[in-house]
Amino acid sequence: MRYLHLLFLLGCTSLFAQQQPFFSQFFYNKLIANPGAAGSTGLPIFTAFHRQQWAGLEGAPVTQAFSTNSPILAGRVGLGLTVVNDRIGFYNSTFAQAAYAYRVQLGGGRLGIGLHGSMTRYEADLTEVRTISGSKQAVEGMMDFQYLFNLGMGVHFENERFFVGAAIPQVLDRGQSNGQVRHVFANAGTVLELSPTLRMRAAGAVRVVENAPPSFDAHLGFGFTEVARLWLGSTLRMSKNYDGLGGDALVAVGQYQISERIRAGLAYDLGLGAVRNGNAGSFEFLLEYAFVKASAAPMVPALRPRYF
């Protein structure tokens, strides 16, 4: 089984190496792909993600991401920092990127126009390769490293009820052999108040990569209680990958505002393609901390809710 898993992962490596990691709770980590989102929350925010793809499948992708961003200079500028570690089988990539956004008042919200610079370290640990007999002597001690710099740009508009953005996170085309090709990311979302204690959130995302099929996420969720502390919803992920090995999935998503500063989230992906066999699905965890000023009110988000 080790060898069969390795063959499968080798077939997928080119896809994962060339694409930036994505998350089911994409509306809470827009900064990873779009530097224009830096400072868009209006507060200093720290966010951590952990994603286990295809749990139970040996060598399956595992991704950790940490990001922080904040508005400065009376909200006219947004700064952000993101670090992501992505592993699939014996292949690992780690990148850090710093983002800058110039923010202008537009209507009832702010438009951010941003740039980021990133440095990525690619590593192939061939000592983890197993032959069909289970031996690894043929590749013992072999390691491969590569460092690549890139630039990204994006625009992002957000107010308390709506956001829309588009970005090219890797402007410099390094070619497929180097694991970086141009992407175009676009997303949008809105919140509607259905009653004093019920809100509806609709969001969508599109990812287009050169020489790869596009993928789409469509999300619908509902927030309960007057300050929408609990959110429950679902996302449908679709792609144009006709070999059955794409990331099509039905996702259950939930977030809870533990306090005025802390938010936690959980997503579970049930695969709809051929990869759903032999694994327990995909799990994703979110933890967010916001630097909210002390208030006599029990929940500051009641005054300025953060839906995205």
C-alpha atoms as a PDB file:
ATOM      1  CA  MET A   1       0.000   0.000   0.000  1.00  0.00           C
ATOM      2  CA  ARG A   2       2.933   2.325   0.650  1.00  0.00           C
ATOM      3  CA  TYR A   3       3.947   2.053  -2.998  1.00  0.00           C
ATOM      4  CA  LEU A   4       0.424   2.586  -4.311  1.00  0.00           C
ATOM      5  CA  HIS A   5       0.021   5.666  -2.134  1.00  0.00           C
ATOM      6  CA  LEU A   6       3.375   6.966  -3.364  1.00  0.00           C
ATOM      7  CA  LEU A   7       2.368   6.535  -7.004  1.00  0.00           C
ATOM      8  CA  PHE A   8      -0.858   8.419  -6.367  1.00  0.00           C
ATOM      9  CA  LEU A   9       0.907  11.248  -4.533  1.00  0.00           C
ATOM     10  CA  LEU A  10       3.554  11.527  -7.238  1.00  0.00           C
ATOM     11  CA  GLY A  11       0.774  11.955  -9.763  1.00  0.00           C
ATOM     12  CA  CYS A  12      -0.741  14.730  -7.679  1.00  0.00           C
ATOM     13  CA  THR A  13       2.503  16.445  -6.683  1.00  0.00           C
ATOM     14  CA  SER A  14       2.631  18.642  -9.780  1.00  0.00           C
ATOM     15  CA  LEU A  15      -0.882  19.893  -9.034  1.00  0.00           C
ATOM     16  CA  PHE A  16      -0.256  20.667  -5.385  1.00  0.00           C
ATOM     17  CA  ALA A  17       3.195  22.081  -5.940  1.00  0.00           C
ATOM     18  CA  GLN A  18       1.912  24.590  -8.448  1.00  0.00           C
ATOM     19  CA  GLN A  19      -1.125  25.740  -6.491  1.00  0.00           C
ATOM     20  CA  GLN A  20      -1.224  27.793  -3.347  1.00  0.00           C
ATOM     21  CA  PRO A  21      -2.947  26.053  -0.438  1.00  0.00           C
ATOM     22  CA  PHE A  22      -6.649  26.703  -0.079  1.00  0.00           C
ATOM     23  CA  PHE A  23      -8.958  26.434   2.914  1.00  0.00           C
ATOM     24  CA  SER A  24     -12.646  25.639   3.231  1.00  0.00           C
ATOM     25  CA  GLN A  25     -13.113  28.629   5.554  1.00  0.00           C
ATOM     26  CA  PHE A  26     -11.719  30.890   2.837  1.00  0.00           C
ATOM     27  CA  PHE A  27     -13.655  33.961   4.016  1.00  0.00           C
ATOM     28  CA  TYR A  28     -11.502  34.105   7.177  1.00  0.00           C
ATOM     29  CA  ASN A  29      -8.056  33.913   5.560  1.00  0.00           C
ATOM     30  CA  LYS A  30      -8.273  36.128   2.488  1.00  0.00           C
ATOM     31  CA  LEU A  31      -4.803  37.560   3.212  1.00  0.00           C
ATOM     32  CA  ILE A  32      -3.059  34.327   2.159  1.00  0.00           C
ATOM     33  CA  ALA A  33      -3.833  34.982  -1.503  1.00  0.00           C
ATOM     34  CA  ASN A  34      -4.808  38.660  -1.558  1.00  0.00           C
ATOM     35  CA  PRO A  35      -2.536  41.385  -0.114  1.00  0.00           C
ATOM     36  CA  GLY A  36      -5.306  43.931  -0.689  1.00  0.00           C
ATOM     37  CA  ALA A  37      -7.117  42.357   2.310  1.00  0.00           C
ATOM     38  CA  ALA A  38      -4.418  43.504   4.767  1.00  0.00           C
ATOM     39  CA  GLY A  39      -6.086  45.592   7.459  1.00  0.00           C
ATOM     40  CA  SER A  40      -9.600  44.950   6.127  1.00  0.00           C
ATOM     41  CA  THR A  41     -10.901  43.622   9.463  1.00  0.00           C
ATOM     42  CA  GLY A  42     -10.358  47.045  11.051  1.00  0.00           C
ATOM     43  CA  LEU A  43      -8.548  45.381  13.975  1.00  0.00           C
ATOM     44  CA  PRO A  44      -5.188  43.711  14.603  1.00  0.00           C
ATOM     45  CA  ILE A  45      -5.923  40.014  13.994  1.00  0.00           C
ATOM     46  CA  PHE A  46      -3.946  36.792  14.499  1.00  0.00           C
ATOM     47  CA  THR A  47      -5.270  33.702  12.672  1.00  0.00           C
ATOM     48  CA  ALA A  48      -4.044  30.085  12.704  1.00  0.00           C
ATOM     49  CA  PHE A  49      -5.230  27.248  10.461  1.00  0.00           C
ATOM     50  CA  HIS A  50      -4.520  23.522  10.432  1.00  0.00           C
ATOM     51  CA  ARG A  51      -5.819  21.380   7.572  1.00  0.00           C
ATOM     52  CA  GLN A  52      -5.549  17.596   7.260  1.00  0.00           C
ATOM     53  CA  GLN A  53      -6.505  16.488   3.772  1.00  0.00           C
ATOM     54  CA  TRP A  54      -7.803  12.931   3.241  1.00  0.00           C
ATOM     55  CA  ALA A  55      -7.262  11.811   6.846  1.00  0.00           C
ATOM     56  CA  GLY A  56      -6.035   8.224   7.144  1.00  0.00           C
ATOM     57  CA  LEU A  57      -4.324   8.158   3.748  1.00  0.00           C
ATOM     58  CA  GLU A  58      -0.574   7.771   4.165  1.00  0.00           C
ATOM     59  CA  GLY A  59       1.342  10.788   2.895  1.00  0.00           C
ATOM     60  CA  ALA A  60      -1.814  12.882   2.427  1.00  0.00           C
ATOM     61  CA  PRO A  61      -1.480  16.703   2.355  1.00  0.00           C
ATOM     62  CA  VAL A  62      -1.188  18.549   5.676  1.00  0.00           C
ATOM     63  CA  THR A  63      -1.147  22.361   5.822  1.00  0.00           C
ATOM     64  CA  GLN A  64      -0.541  24.816   8.662  1.00  0.00           C
ATOM     65  CA  ALA A  65      -0.948  28.558   8.200  1.00  0.00           C
ATOM     66  CA  PHE A  66      -0.397  31.522  10.495  1.00  0.00           C
ATOM     67  CA  SER A  67      -1.208  35.089   9.547  1.00  0.00           C
ATOM     68  CA  THR A  68      -1.488  38.463  11.197  1.00  0.00           C
ATOM     69  CA  ASN A  69      -2.637  41.790   9.790  1.00  0.00           C
ATOM     70  CA  SER A  70      -3.609  45.200  11.057  1.00  0.00           C
ATOM     71  CA  PRO A  71      -4.637  48.640   9.825  1.00  0.00           C
ATOM     72  CA  ILE A  72      -2.273  51.485  10.690  1.00  0.00           C
ATOM     73  CA  LEU A  73      -2.075  55.241  10.075  1.00  0.00           C
ATOM     74  CA  ALA A  74      -5.768  55.825  10.842  1.00  0.00           C
ATOM     75  CA  GLY A  75      -6.739  52.912   8.600  1.00  0.00           C
ATOM     76  CA  ARG A  76      -5.057  54.305   5.481  1.00  0.00           C
ATOM     77  CA  VAL A  77      -2.531  51.452   5.349  1.00  0.00           C
ATOM     78  CA  GLY A  78      -2.799  47.734   6.063  1.00  0.00           C
ATOM     79  CA  LEU A  79       0.150  45.477   6.897  1.00  0.00           C
ATOM     80  CA  GLY A  80       0.174  41.689   6.967  1.00  0.00           C
ATOM     81  CA  LEU A  81       2.470  38.721   7.494  1.00  0.00           C
ATOM     82  CA  THR A  82       1.702  35.112   6.529  1.00  0.00           C
ATOM     83  CA  VAL A  83       3.649  31.878   7.061  1.00  0.00           C
ATOM     84  CA  VAL A  84       2.419  28.610   5.525  1.00  0.00           C
ATOM     85  CA  ASN A  85       3.800  25.071   5.702  1.00  0.00           C
ATOM     86  CA  ASP A  86       2.411  22.563   3.195  1.00  0.00           C
ATOM     87  CA  ARG A  87       3.389  18.886   3.089  1.00  0.00           C
ATOM     88  CA  ILE A  88       2.371  16.046   0.773  1.00  0.00           C
ATOM     89  CA  GLY A  89       4.188  12.742   1.059  1.00  0.00           C
ATOM     90  CA  PHE A  90       7.941  13.395   0.944  1.00  0.00           C
ATOM     91  CA  TYR A  91       7.408  16.866  -0.579  1.00  0.00           C
ATOM     92  CA  ASN A  92       7.323  19.960   1.650  1.00  0.00           C
ATOM     93  CA  SER A  93       7.036  23.687   0.939  1.00  0.00           C
ATOM     94  CA  THR A  94       7.209  26.577   3.386  1.00  0.00           C
ATOM     95  CA  PHE A  95       6.648  30.184   2.452  1.00  0.00           C
ATOM     96  CA  ALA A  96       6.570  33.515   4.213  1.00  0.00           C
ATOM     97  CA  GLN A  97       5.111  36.652   2.705  1.00  0.00           C
ATOM     98  CA  ALA A  98       4.770  40.261   3.812  1.00  0.00           C
ATOM     99  CA  ALA A  99       1.825  42.313   2.531  1.00  0.00           C
ATOM    100  CA  TYR A 100       1.192  46.029   2.176  1.00  0.00           C
ATOM    101  CA  ALA A 101      -2.156  47.584   1.248  1.00  0.00           C
ATOM    102  CA  TYR A 102      -3.069  51.203   0.632  1.00  0.00           C
ATOM    103  CA  ARG A 103      -6.661  51.681   1.774  1.00  0.00           C
ATOM    104  CA  VAL A 104      -9.091  54.354   0.633  1.00  0.00           C
ATOM    105  CA  GLN A 105     -12.630  55.138   1.720  1.00  0.00           C
ATOM    106  CA  LEU A 106     -15.142  54.023  -0.884  1.00  0.00           C
ATOM    107  CA  GLY A 107     -18.849  54.326  -0.238  1.00  0.00           C
ATOM    108  CA  GLY A 108     -19.602  52.731   3.101  1.00  0.00           C
ATOM    109  CA  GLY A 109     -16.420  50.661   3.173  1.00  0.00           C
ATOM    110  CA  ARG A 110     -12.743  50.649   2.249  1.00  0.00           C
ATOM    111  CA  LEU A 111     -10.907  49.549  -0.874  1.00  0.00           C
ATOM    112  CA  GLY A 112      -7.467  48.027  -0.370  1.00  0.00           C
ATOM    113  CA  ILE A 113      -4.895  47.913  -3.182  1.00  0.00           C
ATOM    114  CA  GLY A 114      -2.070  45.642  -2.116  1.00  0.00           C
ATOM    115  CA  LEU A 115       1.268  44.057  -2.915  1.00  0.00           C
ATOM    116  CA  HIS A 116       3.139  41.256  -1.225  1.00  0.00           C
ATOM    117  CA  GLY A 117       6.546  39.667  -1.533  1.00  0.00           C
ATOM    118  CA  SER A 118       7.074  35.990  -0.725  1.00  0.00           C
ATOM    119  CA  MET A 119       9.954  33.594  -0.270  1.00  0.00           C
ATOM    120  CA  THR A 120       9.259  29.869  -0.657  1.00  0.00           C
ATOM    121  CA  ARG A 121      11.463  26.959   0.344  1.00  0.00           C
ATOM    122  CA  TYR A 122      10.758  23.695  -1.474  1.00  0.00           C
ATOM    123  CA  GLU A 123      12.111  20.443  -0.102  1.00  0.00           C
ATOM    124  CA  ALA A 124      11.870  16.895  -1.427  1.00  0.00           C
ATOM    125  CA  ASP A 125      12.980  14.432   1.257  1.00  0.00           C
ATOM    126  CA  LEU A 126      13.734  11.411  -0.906  1.00  0.00           C
ATOM    127  CA  THR A 127      14.847   9.440   2.160  1.00  0.00           C
ATOM    128  CA  GLU A 128      11.104   8.880   2.776  1.00  0.00           C
ATOM    129  CA  VAL A 129      10.623   7.110  -0.574  1.00  0.00           C
ATOM    130  CA  ARG A 130       9.872   3.380  -0.393  1.00  0.00           C
ATOM    131  CA  THR A 131      10.343   0.962  -3.277  1.00  0.00           C
ATOM    132  CA  ILE A 132       7.783  -1.705  -4.073  1.00  0.00           C
ATOM    133  CA  SER A 133       9.600  -4.061  -1.704  1.00  0.00           C
ATOM    134  CA  GLY A 134       9.525  -1.497   1.124  1.00  0.00           C
ATOM    135  CA  SER A 135      13.250  -0.722   0.860  1.00  0.00           C
ATOM    136  CA  LYS A 136      14.608   2.811   0.790  1.00  0.00           C
ATOM    137  CA  GLN A 137      18.298   2.093   0.153  1.00  0.00           C
ATOM    138  CA  ALA A 138      18.127   3.217  -3.480  1.00  0.00           C
ATOM    139  CA  VAL A 139      17.486   6.826  -2.477  1.00  0.00           C
ATOM    140  CA  GLU A 140      19.085   6.890   0.984  1.00  0.00           C
ATOM    141  CA  GLY A 141      20.392  10.353   1.881  1.00  0.00           C
ATOM    142  CA  MET A 142      19.014  12.146  -1.144  1.00  0.00           C
ATOM    143  CA  MET A 143      17.597  15.623  -0.447  1.00  0.00           C
ATOM    144  CA  ASP A 144      16.546  18.395  -2.785  1.00  0.00           C
ATOM    145  CA  PHE A 145      16.096  22.076  -1.842  1.00  0.00           C
ATOM    146  CA  GLN A 146      14.989  25.106  -3.776  1.00  0.00           C
ATOM    147  CA  TYR A 147      14.240  28.743  -2.845  1.00  0.00           C
ATOM    148  CA  LEU A 148      12.049  31.005  -4.944  1.00  0.00           C
ATOM    149  CA  PHE A 149      11.050  34.672  -4.558  1.00  0.00           C
ATOM    150  CA  ASN A 150       7.808  35.988  -5.979  1.00  0.00           C
ATOM    151  CA  LEU A 151       5.489  38.982  -5.947  1.00  0.00           C
ATOM    152  CA  GLY A 152       1.720  39.176  -5.679  1.00  0.00           C
ATOM    153  CA  MET A 153      -0.923  41.847  -6.050  1.00  0.00           C
ATOM    154  CA  GLY A 154      -4.606  42.206  -5.309  1.00  0.00           C
ATOM    155  CA  VAL A 155      -7.571  44.469  -4.638  1.00  0.00           C
ATOM    156  CA  HIS A 156     -10.133  44.014  -1.887  1.00  0.00           C
ATOM    157  CA  PHE A 157     -13.263  45.915  -0.865  1.00  0.00           C
ATOM    158  CA  GLU A 158     -15.065  45.282   2.411  1.00  0.00           C
ATOM    159  CA  ASN A 159     -17.696  46.822   4.635  1.00  0.00           C
ATOM    160  CA  GLU A 160     -19.687  45.331   7.493  1.00  0.00           C
ATOM    161  CA  ARG A 161     -22.031  43.418   5.190  1.00  0.00           C
ATOM    162  CA  PHE A 162     -20.127  42.717   1.968  1.00  0.00           C
ATOM    163  CA  PHE A 163     -16.695  41.911   0.552  1.00  0.00           C
ATOM    164  CA  VAL A 164     -15.253  41.296  -2.909  1.00  0.00           C
ATOM    165  CA  GLY A 165     -11.669  40.797  -4.007  1.00  0.00           C
ATOM    166  CA  ALA A 166      -9.385  39.547  -6.767  1.00  0.00           C
ATOM    167  CA  ALA A 167      -5.685  38.739  -6.719  1.00  0.00           C
ATOM    168  CA  ILE A 168      -2.743  37.247  -8.575  1.00  0.00           C
ATOM    169  CA  PRO A 169      -0.659  35.853  -5.692  1.00  0.00           C
ATOM    170  CA  GLN A 170       2.289  34.856  -7.914  1.00  0.00           C
ATOM    171  CA  VAL A 171       2.960  37.449 -10.603  1.00  0.00           C
ATOM    172  CA  LEU A 172       6.335  36.022 -11.648  1.00  0.00           C
ATOM    173  CA  ASP A 173       5.844  32.854 -13.691  1.00  0.00           C
ATOM    174  CA  ARG A 174       8.513  30.404 -12.555  1.00  0.00           C
ATOM    175  CA  GLY A 175       7.239  27.581 -14.760  1.00  0.00           C
ATOM    176  CA  GLN A 176       5.746  24.229 -13.882  1.00  0.00           C
ATOM    177  CA  SER A 177       9.111  22.606 -13.179  1.00  0.00           C
ATOM    178  CA  ASN A 178       9.742  25.156 -10.422  1.00  0.00           C
ATOM    179  CA  GLY A 179       6.335  24.725  -8.834  1.00  0.00           C
ATOM    180  CA  GLN A 180       5.043  28.273  -9.324  1.00  0.00           C
ATOM    181  CA  VAL A 181       2.665  29.310 -12.085  1.00  0.00           C
ATOM    182  CA  ARG A 182       0.262  32.221 -12.174  1.00  0.00           C
ATOM    183  CA  HIS A 183      -3.038  31.968 -10.338  1.00  0.00           C
ATOM    184  CA  VAL A 184      -6.077  34.214 -10.374  1.00  0.00           C
ATOM    185  CA  PHE A 185      -8.153  34.208  -7.189  1.00  0.00           C
ATOM    186  CA  ALA A 186     -11.496  35.946  -6.806  1.00  0.00           C
ATOM    187  CA  ASN A 187     -13.996  35.832  -3.945  1.00  0.00           C
ATOM    188  CA  ALA A 188     -17.032  37.668  -2.654  1.00  0.00           C
ATOM    189  CA  GLY A 189     -19.540  37.405   0.155  1.00  0.00           C
ATOM    190  CA  THR A 190     -22.470  39.146   1.798  1.00  0.00           C
ATOM    191  CA  VAL A 191     -24.563  38.924   4.970  1.00  0.00           C
ATOM    192  CA  LEU A 192     -28.313  39.464   5.086  1.00  0.00           C
ATOM    193  CA  GLU A 193     -30.326  40.019   8.280  1.00  0.00           C
ATOM    194  CA  LEU A 194     -33.330  37.676   8.188  1.00  0.00           C
ATOM    195  CA  SER A 195     -34.530  38.509  11.712  1.00  0.00           C
ATOM    196  CA  PRO A 196     -33.105  40.094  14.883  1.00  0.00           C
ATOM    197  CA  THR A 197     -31.596  36.707  15.804  1.00  0.00           C
ATOM    198  CA  LEU A 198     -30.844  35.152  12.399  1.00  0.00           C
ATOM    199  CA  ARG A 199     -28.441  36.182   9.654  1.00  0.00           C
ATOM    200  CA  MET A 200     -27.546  34.517   6.373  1.00  0.00           C
ATOM    201  CA  ARG A 201     -24.043  34.551   4.877  1.00  0.00           C
ATOM    202  CA  ALA A 202     -23.453  33.712   1.211  1.00  0.00           C
ATOM    203  CA  ALA A 203     -19.917  33.571  -0.190  1.00  0.00           C
ATOM    204  CA  GLY A 204     -18.103  32.237  -3.219  1.00  0.00           C
ATOM    205  CA  ALA A 205     -14.528  31.766  -4.443  1.00  0.00           C
ATOM    206  CA  VAL A 206     -12.951  30.997  -7.828  1.00  0.00           C
ATOM    207  CA  ARG A 207      -9.408  29.712  -8.425  1.00  0.00           C
ATOM    208  CA  VAL A 208      -7.932  29.690 -11.924  1.00  0.00           C
ATOM    209  CA  VAL A 209      -4.451  28.248 -12.540  1.00  0.00           C
ATOM    210  CA  GLU A 210      -2.552  28.048 -15.786  1.00  0.00           C
ATOM    211  CA  ASN A 211      -2.625  24.552 -17.329  1.00  0.00           C
ATOM    212  CA  ALA A 212      -5.015  23.279 -14.635  1.00  0.00           C
ATOM    213  CA  PRO A 213      -8.806  23.118 -14.349  1.00  0.00           C
ATOM    214  CA  PRO A 214     -10.540  25.954 -12.449  1.00  0.00           C
ATOM    215  CA  SER A 215     -12.311  25.295  -9.164  1.00  0.00           C
ATOM    216  CA  PHE A 216     -15.240  26.988  -7.456  1.00  0.00           C
ATOM    217  CA  ASP A 217     -16.516  27.216  -3.880  1.00  0.00           C
ATOM    218  CA  ALA A 218     -20.123  28.179  -3.090  1.00  0.00           C
ATOM    219  CA  HIS A 219     -20.917  28.711   0.612  1.00  0.00           C
ATOM    220  CA  LEU A 220     -24.153  29.329   2.482  1.00  0.00           C
ATOM    221  CA  GLY A 221     -24.245  29.761   6.266  1.00  0.00           C
ATOM    222  CA  PHE A 222     -26.485  31.050   9.025  1.00  0.00           C
ATOM    223  CA  GLY A 223     -25.600  33.052  12.128  1.00  0.00           C
ATOM    224  CA  PHE A 224     -27.663  32.594  15.277  1.00  0.00           C
ATOM    225  CA  THR A 225     -28.372  34.932  18.233  1.00  0.00           C
ATOM    226  CA  GLU A 226     -28.431  38.711  18.042  1.00  0.00           C
ATOM    227  CA  VAL A 227     -24.647  39.044  17.821  1.00  0.00           C
ATOM    228  CA  ALA A 228     -24.243  35.972  15.541  1.00  0.00           C
ATOM    229  CA  ARG A 229     -21.859  34.138  17.853  1.00  0.00           C
ATOM    230  CA  LEU A 230     -22.658  30.755  16.266  1.00  0.00           C
ATOM    231  CA  TRP A 231     -22.404  30.163  12.503  1.00  0.00           C
ATOM    232  CA  LEU A 232     -23.352  26.913  10.774  1.00  0.00           C
ATOM    233  CA  GLY A 233     -23.290  26.303   7.053  1.00  0.00           C
ATOM    234  CA  SER A 234     -22.116  24.283   4.092  1.00  0.00           C
ATOM    235  CA  THR A 235     -19.847  24.739   1.078  1.00  0.00           C
ATOM    236  CA  LEU A 236     -19.928  22.973  -2.270  1.00  0.00           C
ATOM    237  CA  ARG A 237     -16.530  22.733  -3.978  1.00  0.00           C
ATOM    238  CA  MET A 238     -16.458  21.926  -7.681  1.00  0.00           C
ATOM    239  CA  SER A 239     -13.776  21.696 -10.349  1.00  0.00           C
ATOM    240  CA  LYS A 240     -13.452  20.905 -14.035  1.00  0.00           C
ATOM    241  CA  ASN A 241     -11.058  18.040 -13.367  1.00  0.00           C
ATOM    242  CA  TYR A 242     -12.440  15.174 -15.407  1.00  0.00           C
ATOM    243  CA  ASP A 243     -10.072  12.464 -14.139  1.00  0.00           C
ATOM    244  CA  GLY A 244     -12.036  12.132 -10.884  1.00  0.00           C
ATOM    245  CA  LEU A 245      -9.034  13.113  -8.758  1.00  0.00           C
ATOM    246  CA  GLY A 246     -10.033  16.732  -8.210  1.00  0.00           C
ATOM    247  CA  GLY A 247     -10.993  18.391  -4.958  1.00  0.00           C
ATOM    248  CA  ASP A 248     -14.777  18.213  -5.384  1.00  0.00           C
ATOM    249  CA  ALA A 249     -16.338  18.094  -1.936  1.00  0.00           C
ATOM    250  CA  LEU A 250     -19.328  18.882   0.215  1.00  0.00           C
ATOM    251  CA  VAL A 251     -18.148  20.769   3.292  1.00  0.00           C
ATOM    252  CA  ALA A 252     -19.804  21.233   6.678  1.00  0.00           C
ATOM    253  CA  VAL A 253     -18.610  24.468   8.330  1.00  0.00           C
ATOM    254  CA  GLY A 254     -19.118  25.916  11.807  1.00  0.00           C
ATOM    255  CA  GLN A 255     -17.632  28.837  13.753  1.00  0.00           C
ATOM    256  CA  TYR A 256     -18.221  30.080  17.272  1.00  0.00           C
ATOM    257  CA  GLN A 257     -17.285  33.432  18.797  1.00  0.00           C
ATOM    258  CA  ILE A 258     -15.959  32.235  22.159  1.00  0.00           C
ATOM    259  CA  SER A 259     -15.396  35.747  23.451  1.00  0.00           C
ATOM    260  CA  GLU A 260     -15.082  39.233  22.020  1.00  0.00           C
ATOM    261  CA  ARG A 261     -11.469  38.394  21.148  1.00  0.00           C
ATOM    262  CA  ILE A 262     -11.459  34.669  20.295  1.00  0.00           C
ATOM    263  CA  ARG A 263     -13.156  32.827  17.432  1.00  0.00           C
ATOM    264  CA  ALA A 264     -12.863  29.090  16.670  1.00  0.00           C
ATOM    265  CA  GLY A 265     -13.915  27.245  13.533  1.00  0.00           C
ATOM    266  CA  LEU A 266     -14.154  23.715  12.197  1.00  0.00           C
ATOM    267  CA  ALA A 267     -14.750  22.381   8.687  1.00  0.00           C
ATOM    268  CA  TYR A 268     -15.181  18.814   7.489  1.00  0.00           C
ATOM    269  CA  ASP A 269     -14.854  17.984   3.786  1.00  0.00           C
ATOM    270  CA  LEU A 270     -16.552  14.920   2.371  1.00  0.00           C
ATOM    271  CA  GLY A 271     -14.929  14.190  -0.968  1.00  0.00           C
ATOM    272  CA  LEU A 272     -17.154  13.649  -3.994  1.00  0.00           C
ATOM    273  CA  GLY A 273     -14.501  12.310  -6.374  1.00  0.00           C
ATOM    274  CA  ALA A 274     -12.528   9.087  -6.615  1.00  0.00           C
ATOM    275  CA  VAL A 275     -10.218  10.150  -3.749  1.00  0.00           C
ATOM    276  CA  ARG A 276     -13.049   9.776  -1.211  1.00  0.00           C
ATOM    277  CA  ASN A 277     -12.342   6.036  -0.998  1.00  0.00           C
ATOM    278  CA  GLY A 278      -9.801   4.859   1.557  1.00  0.00           C
ATOM    279  CA  ASN A 279      -9.804   7.953   3.781  1.00  0.00           C
ATOM    280  CA  ALA A 280     -11.913   9.614   6.482  1.00  0.00           C
ATOM    281  CA  GLY A 281     -12.378  12.955   4.734  1.00  0.00           C
ATOM    282  CA  SER A 282     -10.607  16.245   5.379  1.00  0.00           C
ATOM    283  CA  PHE A 283     -10.546  18.283   8.580  1.00  0.00           C
ATOM    284  CA  GLU A 284      -9.768  21.955   9.064  1.00  0.00           C
ATOM    285  CA  PHE A 285      -9.396  23.934  12.286  1.00  0.00           C
ATOM    286  CA  LEU A 286      -9.380  27.712  12.728  1.00  0.00           C
ATOM    287  CA  LEU A 287      -8.399  29.822  15.718  1.00  0.00           C
ATOM    288  CA  GLU A 288      -8.535  33.628  15.577  1.00  0.00           C
ATOM    289  CA  TYR A 289      -7.554  36.256  18.122  1.00  0.00           C
ATOM    290  CA  ALA A 290      -8.542  39.916  17.713  1.00  0.00           C
ATOM    291  CA  PHE A 291      -7.062  42.791  19.693  1.00  0.00           C
ATOM    292  CA  VAL A 292     -10.334  44.365  20.781  1.00  0.00           C
ATOM    293  CA  LYS A 293     -10.258  47.218  23.277  1.00  0.00           C
ATOM    294  CA  ALA A 294     -11.772  46.444  26.661  1.00  0.00           C
ATOM    295  CA  SER A 295     -15.469  47.255  26.796  1.00  0.00           C
ATOM    296  CA  ALA A 296     -18.233  47.201  29.349  1.00  0.00           C
ATOM    297  CA  ALA A 297     -20.402  45.437  26.772  1.00  0.00           C
ATOM    298  CA  PRO A 298     -20.215  41.608  26.875  1.00  0.00           C
ATOM    299  CA  MET A 299     -19.683  41.353  23.107  1.00  0.00           C
ATOM    300  CA  VAL A 300     -18.033  44.146  21.133  1.00  0.00           C
ATOM    301  CA  PRO A 301     -18.938  42.422  17.833  1.00  0.00           C
ATOM    302  CA  ALA A 302     -22.547  43.373  18.609  1.00  0.00           C
ATOM    303  CA  LEU A 303     -21.479  46.942  17.904  1.00  0.00           C
ATOM    304  CA  ARG A 304     -19.369  46.089  14.842  1.00  0.00           C
ATOM    305  CA  PRO A 305     -19.863  42.459  13.829  1.00  0.00           C
ATOM    306  CA  ARG A 306     -17.037  40.694  11.957  1.00  0.00           C
ATOM    307  CA  TYR A 307     -18.832  38.368   9.572  1.00  0.00           C
ATOM    308  CA  PHE A 308     -15.797  37.651   7.367  1.00  0.00           C
END
